[in-house]
């Protein structure tokens, strides 16, 4: 009983560490993952590491192939389009509920966060991605709907990973000076209908950016088919 509990605890630790590295872009899209290397680095057996990687595979962050191993998942076009449909539905609902239910102090603090997101967009891609995630999560937190928050958290991880991968290649003109501040001003001062429409436009812009940025990886996936290298330090270089 104690051994089982310990394995679950170690698996949670391995899951958290590997997931963090993926979301931070330290493990790139297409990069191989070595179970043995992670186990040795973390000082644990293979069993909890395998459990952690399987959990990340179920979430869509990793993928495995027979005789090829595990890597950070390269999305397909269907993945990205389907994810956008779900994300738009959840985030537009969150925008409407925020407009109705967020407190005065929550509205004031989130504007400061939006300003930080816009500032980071021009200077620090990693910080921008992290703050962007926090802003969209905070919008949902301010709806005070726990079920909606859980649903959004399940969709945000993949979007966050793709954003980290493509952000350095985004054209500078694709991000406005006040994109996120303008969004929040509408959510704070507008009607539910205005908030819904503003968020829909915002999410659609993000979808176009991700589709443009991820397209080379999608082409790479088509070229590779169902096979890829076992080499763990090999990053999938997107074709130009």
Protein backbone atom coordinates (compact mmCIF):
# COMPACT_ATOMS: atom_id res chain seq x y z
CA UNK A 1 0.00 0.00 0.00
CA UNK A 2 2.81 2.38 0.93
CA UNK A 3 4.73 1.50 -2.24
CA UNK A 4 1.68 2.26 -4.41
CA UNK A 5 1.18 5.63 -2.72
CA UNK A 6 4.87 6.48 -3.18
CA UNK A 7 4.72 5.57 -6.89
CA UNK A 8 1.73 7.86 -7.39
CA UNK A 9 3.56 10.68 -5.61
CA UNK A 10 6.66 10.19 -7.78
CA UNK A 11 4.50 9.99 -10.90
CA UNK A 12 2.88 13.31 -9.98
CA UNK A 13 6.33 14.85 -9.54
CA UNK A 14 7.56 13.55 -12.90
CA UNK A 15 4.33 14.67 -14.59
CA UNK A 16 4.62 18.20 -13.19
CA UNK A 17 8.28 18.57 -14.18
CA UNK A 18 7.92 17.26 -17.74
CA UNK A 19 4.70 19.20 -18.33
CA UNK A 20 6.37 22.39 -17.11
CA UNK A 21 9.27 21.86 -19.51
CA UNK A 22 6.90 21.36 -22.43
CA UNK A 23 4.86 24.44 -21.60
CA UNK A 24 8.01 26.51 -21.16
CA UNK A 25 9.27 25.41 -24.56
CA UNK A 26 12.28 23.65 -23.01
CA UNK A 27 11.05 20.49 -24.71
CA UNK A 28 10.13 21.54 -28.22
CA UNK A 29 7.41 20.24 -30.51
CA UNK A 30 8.71 17.01 -32.03
CA UNK A 31 11.52 16.55 -29.51
CA UNK A 32 12.13 12.99 -28.28
CA UNK A 33 11.56 12.05 -24.63
CA UNK A 34 13.72 9.41 -22.90
CA UNK A 35 12.04 7.65 -19.99
CA UNK A 36 15.37 6.36 -18.73
CA UNK A 37 17.01 9.77 -18.88
CA UNK A 38 14.15 11.39 -16.95
CA UNK A 39 14.13 8.60 -14.37
CA UNK A 40 17.89 8.94 -13.83
CA UNK A 41 17.69 12.71 -13.62
CA UNK A 42 14.87 12.62 -11.07
CA UNK A 43 16.30 9.71 -9.13
CA UNK A 44 13.30 7.42 -9.51
CA UNK A 45 12.42 4.14 -11.19
CA UNK A 46 10.93 3.83 -14.66
CA UNK A 47 7.43 2.97 -13.42
CA UNK A 48 6.38 6.43 -12.13
CA UNK A 49 7.99 8.10 -15.14
CA UNK A 50 6.06 5.84 -17.52
CA UNK A 51 2.86 6.67 -15.63
CA UNK A 52 3.59 10.41 -15.92
CA UNK A 53 4.34 10.22 -19.66
CA UNK A 54 1.19 8.20 -20.30
CA UNK A 55 -0.84 10.89 -18.53
CA UNK A 56 0.76 13.56 -20.73
CA UNK A 57 0.02 11.45 -23.79
CA UNK A 58 -3.64 11.22 -22.82
CA UNK A 59 -3.69 15.02 -22.50
CA UNK A 60 -2.30 15.34 -26.02
CA UNK A 61 1.06 16.84 -25.09
CA UNK A 62 3.05 13.70 -26.01
CA UNK A 63 2.72 10.94 -28.59
CA UNK A 64 4.29 7.49 -28.92
CA UNK A 65 5.06 5.17 -31.81
CA UNK A 66 6.16 1.50 -31.74
CA UNK A 67 9.96 1.19 -32.04
CA UNK A 68 10.26 4.98 -32.21
CA UNK A 69 9.60 6.03 -28.64
CA UNK A 70 7.88 9.11 -27.26
CA UNK A 71 8.07 12.74 -28.35
CA UNK A 72 6.34 16.06 -27.80
CA UNK A 73 3.30 15.81 -30.03
CA UNK A 74 3.31 17.48 -33.44
CA UNK A 75 -0.28 18.56 -34.04
CA UNK A 76 -2.28 17.92 -37.19
CA UNK A 77 -4.46 20.53 -38.85
CA UNK A 78 -7.49 18.67 -37.52
CA UNK A 79 -6.04 18.97 -33.99
CA UNK A 80 -5.66 22.74 -34.26
CA UNK A 81 -9.03 23.38 -35.91
CA UNK A 82 -10.90 21.17 -33.46
CA UNK A 83 -9.12 22.74 -30.52
CA UNK A 84 -10.09 26.21 -31.77
CA UNK A 85 -13.78 25.24 -31.90
CA UNK A 86 -13.71 24.13 -28.26
CA UNK A 87 -11.58 27.06 -27.10
CA UNK A 88 -13.84 29.62 -28.76
CA UNK A 89 -16.93 28.13 -27.13
CA UNK A 90 -15.37 28.07 -23.66
CA UNK A 91 -13.69 31.46 -23.76
CA UNK A 92 -16.64 33.36 -25.20
CA UNK A 93 -18.79 31.91 -22.42
CA UNK A 94 -16.14 32.95 -19.90
CA UNK A 95 -16.15 36.49 -21.32
CA UNK A 96 -19.93 36.79 -20.89
CA UNK A 97 -19.82 35.50 -17.31
CA UNK A 98 -16.87 37.75 -16.44
CA UNK A 99 -18.82 40.80 -17.61
CA UNK A 100 -21.71 39.77 -15.40
CA UNK A 101 -20.03 38.35 -12.30
CA UNK A 102 -16.48 39.69 -11.81
CA UNK A 103 -16.04 41.91 -8.75
CA UNK A 104 -14.76 45.49 -8.87
CA UNK A 105 -11.38 44.51 -7.40
CA UNK A 106 -11.04 41.61 -9.85
CA UNK A 107 -11.69 43.97 -12.76
CA UNK A 108 -9.06 46.43 -11.56
CA UNK A 109 -6.36 43.81 -11.01
CA UNK A 110 -6.91 42.07 -14.33
CA UNK A 111 -6.36 45.31 -16.27
CA UNK A 112 -2.88 45.51 -14.75
CA UNK A 113 -2.20 41.95 -15.86
CA UNK A 114 -3.42 42.75 -19.39
CA UNK A 115 -1.00 45.68 -19.57
CA UNK A 116 1.88 43.35 -18.60
CA UNK A 117 0.86 40.90 -21.34
CA UNK A 118 0.91 43.62 -24.00
CA UNK A 119 4.26 44.94 -22.80
CA UNK A 120 5.85 41.47 -22.86
CA UNK A 121 4.54 40.79 -26.38
CA UNK A 122 7.21 43.07 -27.84
CA UNK A 123 10.11 42.09 -25.62
CA UNK A 124 10.02 38.61 -24.08
CA UNK A 125 8.31 35.66 -25.85
CA UNK A 126 8.60 33.29 -22.88
CA UNK A 127 7.24 35.85 -20.42
CA UNK A 128 4.48 36.77 -22.87
CA UNK A 129 3.36 33.14 -23.19
CA UNK A 130 3.31 32.70 -19.42
CA UNK A 131 1.42 35.95 -18.76
CA UNK A 132 -0.98 35.27 -21.62
CA UNK A 133 -1.87 31.94 -20.04
CA UNK A 134 -2.35 33.61 -16.66
CA UNK A 135 -4.60 36.32 -18.11
CA UNK A 136 -6.96 33.92 -19.86
CA UNK A 137 -7.05 31.67 -16.81
CA UNK A 138 -7.77 34.67 -14.60
CA UNK A 139 -10.73 35.68 -16.77
CA UNK A 140 -12.26 32.27 -16.11
CA UNK A 141 -11.43 32.38 -12.39
CA UNK A 142 -13.36 35.63 -12.14
CA UNK A 143 -16.50 33.92 -13.45
CA UNK A 144 -16.55 31.92 -10.18
CA UNK A 145 -17.56 28.82 -12.13
CA UNK A 146 -15.35 25.90 -11.11
CA UNK A 147 -16.61 23.58 -13.86
CA UNK A 148 -15.78 26.12 -16.56
CA UNK A 149 -12.32 26.63 -15.09
CA UNK A 150 -11.58 22.90 -15.22
CA UNK A 151 -12.72 22.72 -18.83
CA UNK A 152 -10.60 25.70 -19.89
CA UNK A 153 -7.52 24.36 -18.09
CA UNK A 154 -7.83 21.14 -20.09
CA UNK A 155 -7.78 23.06 -23.37
CA UNK A 156 -5.22 25.76 -22.53
CA UNK A 157 -2.19 23.47 -22.11
CA UNK A 158 -2.08 22.49 -25.77
CA UNK A 159 -2.67 26.05 -26.99
CA UNK A 160 0.05 27.28 -24.66
CA UNK A 161 2.50 24.72 -26.07
CA UNK A 162 1.75 25.70 -29.66
CA UNK A 163 2.01 29.39 -28.83
CA UNK A 164 5.47 28.89 -27.27
CA UNK A 165 6.59 27.06 -30.41
CA UNK A 166 5.46 29.64 -32.94
CA UNK A 167 5.76 32.94 -31.05
CA UNK A 168 9.38 33.70 -32.07
CA UNK A 169 8.31 33.54 -35.73
CA UNK A 170 5.22 35.75 -35.46
CA UNK A 171 5.45 38.93 -37.55
CA UNK A 172 5.82 41.93 -35.30
CA UNK A 173 2.73 43.58 -36.81
CA UNK A 174 0.51 40.64 -35.84
CA UNK A 175 0.41 41.78 -32.21
CA UNK A 176 -1.14 45.16 -31.43
CA UNK A 177 0.14 47.54 -28.78
CA UNK A 178 -3.00 47.13 -26.65
CA UNK A 179 -4.62 43.90 -27.85
CA UNK A 180 -5.24 42.48 -24.39
CA UNK A 181 -5.99 45.79 -22.70
CA UNK A 182 -8.63 46.50 -25.37
CA UNK A 183 -10.08 43.05 -24.80
CA UNK A 184 -10.33 43.57 -21.06
CA UNK A 185 -11.82 47.05 -21.40
CA UNK A 186 -14.68 45.53 -23.38
CA UNK A 187 -15.15 42.73 -20.85
CA UNK A 188 -15.13 45.21 -17.97
CA UNK A 189 -17.32 47.96 -19.42
CA UNK A 190 -19.30 46.31 -22.22
CA UNK A 191 -22.44 44.21 -22.36
CA UNK A 192 -22.38 40.43 -22.34
CA UNK A 193 -23.00 40.42 -26.10
CA UNK A 194 -20.12 42.87 -26.72
CA UNK A 195 -17.82 40.82 -24.50
CA UNK A 196 -18.73 37.62 -26.33
CA UNK A 197 -18.05 39.17 -29.74
CA UNK A 198 -14.77 40.77 -28.66
CA UNK A 199 -13.48 37.49 -27.25
CA UNK A 200 -14.56 35.63 -30.39
CA UNK A 201 -12.50 38.02 -32.53
CA UNK A 202 -9.55 37.71 -30.13
CA UNK A 203 -9.60 33.91 -30.14
CA UNK A 204 -9.95 33.84 -33.93
CA UNK A 205 -6.85 36.03 -34.29
CA UNK A 206 -4.94 33.64 -32.05
CA UNK A 207 -6.16 30.72 -34.14
CA UNK A 208 -4.89 32.30 -37.37
CA UNK A 209 -1.52 33.04 -35.76
CA UNK A 210 -1.13 29.49 -34.46
CA UNK A 211 -2.23 27.96 -37.78
CA UNK A 212 0.31 30.07 -39.68
CA UNK A 213 3.08 29.29 -37.20
CA UNK A 214 2.37 25.59 -36.80
CA UNK A 215 1.97 24.89 -40.54
CA UNK A 216 5.66 23.95 -41.05
CA UNK A 217 5.36 21.37 -38.25
CA UNK A 218 2.21 19.97 -39.87
CA UNK A 219 4.10 19.58 -43.16
CA UNK A 220 6.93 17.89 -41.27
CA UNK A 221 4.49 15.43 -39.73
CA UNK A 222 3.14 14.56 -43.18
CA UNK A 223 6.68 13.98 -44.45
CA UNK A 224 7.58 11.75 -41.51
CA UNK A 225 4.38 9.73 -41.51
CA UNK A 226 4.20 7.30 -38.58
CA UNK A 227 7.94 7.11 -37.98
CA UNK A 228 10.45 9.36 -36.28
CA UNK A 229 13.86 9.15 -34.68
CA UNK A 230 14.57 7.66 -31.28
CA UNK A 231 17.24 10.32 -30.68
CA UNK A 232 16.21 12.18 -27.55
CA UNK A 233 18.12 15.37 -28.23
CA UNK A 234 16.77 15.62 -31.77
CA UNK A 235 14.32 18.45 -32.22
CA UNK A 236 11.95 18.29 -35.15
CA UNK A 237 13.18 21.09 -37.33
CA UNK A 238 10.25 22.61 -39.14
CA UNK A 239 10.88 22.98 -42.86
CA UNK A 240 11.22 26.55 -44.09
